Amino acid sequence: MFAQAGISGDFPGSNRLHTRWCSALLALSLCLLQAPAWAGHPGVVKLEDAHTWRTKNRDFLKAQFAIELSSGARKAVKNGVLLVFELQIQVVEMHTWLWDDVSAEITLQRSLQYHALSQSYQVKDLEAGTQGNYQRLDDALRAVGKIDSTQLAGEPLDSGPNYSVRLRGSLDVESLPTPLRLFAYVSSDWSMVSKWYKWPLVR
């Protein structure tokens, strides 16, 4: 959803800035690697509430995920690392004798980052380009997990078939900086993904 600006390397001191940033990430990664296993706890992503409705031949969804950061993700955020979460929405056409078909799929991306200067958490919608700032981490995570009046398909769904809606929320490990990404691949402490939630689409 969001465009992210890069840091240009053609100004004085940019190499030193890049080196310091990489060093900070490496130090954070080593800190996480050395943390005793009993000190950490896994993250939680679960669906609290969701409902759909139909207006003018269009189907819409409103939902709220509850997100609790794992100990590794919490440490990373406190050190200024940007986390990206994905909220996946699928509209599935159900068949009695054949495999179900995914008729529409939407992936919403929200980033979370702590800014030490303002002592606030910034949440960005990476598609809409909107953002909000929060003093409390819990409030920022609520914003990350909120789906507000999202249209389920670009075109009206056919009236004949039966449909269901599926939802899942997760931390996008691929978006992590390389040192942390390598650690996240092998650590269950970084596994933050919900199950698929599914229910019939009432029309």
Foldseek 3Di string as FASTA:
>chain_A
DADDDDDDQPDPPSVVVVVVVVVLVLVLLVVVVPDDPVVKDAKEKAWDDKDWDDDPLFIWMWTWIQIGAIPSVVSCQVSFWKWKKKKKKFKWFDDDPDDIHTPFIDIWIKIWHADPVVCWIKIAGRPVGDIDIGNDPRVNSRVRGTDDTGTGDPDRDDPPTWIKMKIKMFIDLVPGPPSVSVVLVPDSSRGYIDDIDMDTHDD
